[in-house]
């Protein structure tokens, strides 16, 4: 089924309706708050919950400096 339905000058075009792979909600992918995966997840919350992170956060991530990496390593106790 194609064409516009609902009120308004444009209505809702069924060609833009997708189903979220995490929650199963039907949504208009053009209005999804998911930054990178609009045609997969209905919102950035579903994206983060399913992947454990958002792709937008991954793109802005920076590698740890050597001092940050050393500080994050647990100290081993001498036996």
C-alpha atoms as a PDB file:
ATOM      1  CA  UNK A   1       0.000   0.000   0.000  1.00  0.00           C
ATOM      2  CA  UNK A   2       1.410   3.384  -0.887  1.00  0.00           C
ATOM      3  CA  UNK A   3       0.175   6.940  -0.845  1.00  0.00           C
ATOM      4  CA  UNK A   4      -0.506   9.477   1.856  1.00  0.00           C
ATOM      5  CA  UNK A   5      -2.936   8.802   4.697  1.00  0.00           C
ATOM      6  CA  UNK A   6      -4.078  10.921   7.615  1.00  0.00           C
ATOM      7  CA  UNK A   7      -4.666  14.661   8.079  1.00  0.00           C
ATOM      8  CA  UNK A   8      -2.512  17.450   6.752  1.00  0.00           C
ATOM      9  CA  UNK A   9      -1.363  18.464   3.325  1.00  0.00           C
ATOM     10  CA  UNK A  10       1.076  15.559   3.035  1.00  0.00           C
ATOM     11  CA  UNK A  11      -0.377  13.088   5.477  1.00  0.00           C
ATOM     12  CA  UNK A  12       1.721  10.079   6.408  1.00  0.00           C
ATOM     13  CA  UNK A  13       3.375   8.220   3.553  1.00  0.00           C
ATOM     14  CA  UNK A  14       3.451   4.493   4.312  1.00  0.00           C
ATOM     15  CA  UNK A  15       6.706   4.139   2.378  1.00  0.00           C
ATOM     16  CA  UNK A  16       8.430   5.990   5.251  1.00  0.00           C
ATOM     17  CA  UNK A  17       7.128   3.684   7.996  1.00  0.00           C
ATOM     18  CA  UNK A  18       9.662   1.240   9.473  1.00  0.00           C
ATOM     19  CA  UNK A  19       9.592  -1.108  12.459  1.00  0.00           C
ATOM     20  CA  UNK A  20      12.214  -0.673  15.197  1.00  0.00           C
ATOM     21  CA  UNK A  21      14.394  -3.786  15.481  1.00  0.00           C
ATOM     22  CA  UNK A  22      14.631  -3.404  19.265  1.00  0.00           C
ATOM     23  CA  UNK A  23      11.133  -2.522  20.488  1.00  0.00           C
ATOM     24  CA  UNK A  24       8.996  -3.376  17.451  1.00  0.00           C
ATOM     25  CA  UNK A  25       7.389   0.096  17.383  1.00  0.00           C
ATOM     26  CA  UNK A  26       6.312   1.377  13.969  1.00  0.00           C
ATOM     27  CA  UNK A  27       7.763   4.817  13.244  1.00  0.00           C
ATOM     28  CA  UNK A  28       8.420   7.309  10.459  1.00  0.00           C
ATOM     29  CA  UNK A  29      12.185   6.895   9.939  1.00  0.00           C
ATOM     30  CA  UNK A  30      12.574  10.525   8.840  1.00  0.00           C
ATOM     31  CA  UNK A  31      11.528  11.652  12.334  1.00  0.00           C
ATOM     32  CA  UNK A  32      13.642   9.162  14.270  1.00  0.00           C
ATOM     33  CA  UNK A  33      15.899  10.630  16.944  1.00  0.00           C
ATOM     34  CA  UNK A  34      18.529   7.987  16.185  1.00  0.00           C
ATOM     35  CA  UNK A  35      21.396   9.983  14.714  1.00  0.00           C
ATOM     36  CA  UNK A  36      23.012   7.341  12.546  1.00  0.00           C
ATOM     37  CA  UNK A  37      20.628   4.418  12.192  1.00  0.00           C
ATOM     38  CA  UNK A  38      17.304   6.098  11.438  1.00  0.00           C
ATOM     39  CA  UNK A  39      16.068   3.213   9.311  1.00  0.00           C
ATOM     40  CA  UNK A  40      16.822   0.639  12.042  1.00  0.00           C
ATOM     41  CA  UNK A  41      15.888   2.192  15.405  1.00  0.00           C
ATOM     42  CA  UNK A  42      12.974   4.439  16.384  1.00  0.00           C
ATOM     43  CA  UNK A  43      15.110   6.514  18.784  1.00  0.00           C
ATOM     44  CA  UNK A  44      18.616   6.981  20.111  1.00  0.00           C
ATOM     45  CA  UNK A  45      17.501   5.176  23.288  1.00  0.00           C
ATOM     46  CA  UNK A  46      16.706   1.975  21.363  1.00  0.00           C
ATOM     47  CA  UNK A  47      19.957   2.324  19.428  1.00  0.00           C
ATOM     48  CA  UNK A  48      22.009   2.655  22.633  1.00  0.00           C
ATOM     49  CA  UNK A  49      20.095  -0.126  24.406  1.00  0.00           C
ATOM     50  CA  UNK A  50      20.536  -2.576  21.528  1.00  0.00           C
ATOM     51  CA  UNK A  51      24.159  -1.791  20.654  1.00  0.00           C
ATOM     52  CA  UNK A  52      25.400  -0.670  24.069  1.00  0.00           C
ATOM     53  CA  UNK A  53      26.443   2.649  22.503  1.00  0.00           C
ATOM     54  CA  UNK A  54      25.310   5.018  19.777  1.00  0.00           C
ATOM     55  CA  UNK A  55      27.257   5.275  16.550  1.00  0.00           C
ATOM     56  CA  UNK A  56      27.352   9.052  17.010  1.00  0.00           C
ATOM     57  CA  UNK A  57      29.170   8.591  20.349  1.00  0.00           C
ATOM     58  CA  UNK A  58      31.553   6.124  18.721  1.00  0.00           C
ATOM     59  CA  UNK A  59      32.384   8.597  15.957  1.00  0.00           C
ATOM     60  CA  UNK A  60      33.234  11.293  18.531  1.00  0.00           C
ATOM     61  CA  UNK A  61      35.272   8.958  20.753  1.00  0.00           C
ATOM     62  CA  UNK A  62      38.968   9.573  21.080  1.00  0.00           C
ATOM     63  CA  UNK A  63      41.692   7.082  21.949  1.00  0.00           C
ATOM     64  CA  UNK A  64      43.056   7.027  25.484  1.00  0.00           C
ATOM     65  CA  UNK A  65      46.364   8.757  26.105  1.00  0.00           C
ATOM     66  CA  UNK A  66      49.125   6.646  27.646  1.00  0.00           C
ATOM     67  CA  UNK A  67      48.591   8.205  31.090  1.00  0.00           C
ATOM     68  CA  UNK A  68      44.819   7.545  30.916  1.00  0.00           C
ATOM     69  CA  UNK A  69      45.438   3.954  29.820  1.00  0.00           C
ATOM     70  CA  UNK A  70      47.889   3.378  32.694  1.00  0.00           C
ATOM     71  CA  UNK A  71      45.448   4.879  35.195  1.00  0.00           C
ATOM     72  CA  UNK A  72      42.622   2.607  34.006  1.00  0.00           C
ATOM     73  CA  UNK A  73      44.665  -0.608  34.335  1.00  0.00           C
ATOM     74  CA  UNK A  74      44.106  -2.416  37.649  1.00  0.00           C
ATOM     75  CA  UNK A  75      47.206  -2.866  39.781  1.00  0.00           C
ATOM     76  CA  UNK A  76      48.268  -6.461  40.255  1.00  0.00           C
ATOM     77  CA  UNK A  77      49.184  -7.542  43.753  1.00  0.00           C
ATOM     78  CA  UNK A  78      52.573  -9.167  44.221  1.00  0.00           C
ATOM     79  CA  UNK A  79      52.348 -12.732  45.496  1.00  0.00           C
END
